[in-house]
Amino acid sequence: MYLLNSLMQMFYLAAVAEQGYPQSMVLASSLISIFNNVGIAVGSAVGGGVATHLGLNWLELSGGAYSPLLLDSIVAVESGSPSSRK
């Protein structure tokens, strides 16, 4: 699954960032790995806190709580991206 995530990020980078800001492709590529590690750290911290304080049964629901946040961030990025303003 981690390979699919990386491929989707690279596809999005090539499709959106290259069209809007081709001079910053190297910066955008380096940010992918940085924020991938940030996501792993935040997910591990939240999952550890939920497992410690609420128990393992709540891990699925707490993970599902991130879905609306993810969808909101995707909509926000897409509405502000240069390729969507054509």
Foldseek 3Di string as FASTA:
>chain_A
DVVVVVVVLVVCCVVFVCVQPVPCSVVSVVVVVVVVVVVVVVLVVVLVVCCVPPNPVCSVVVVVVCVVVVVVVVVVCLVPTPVNVD
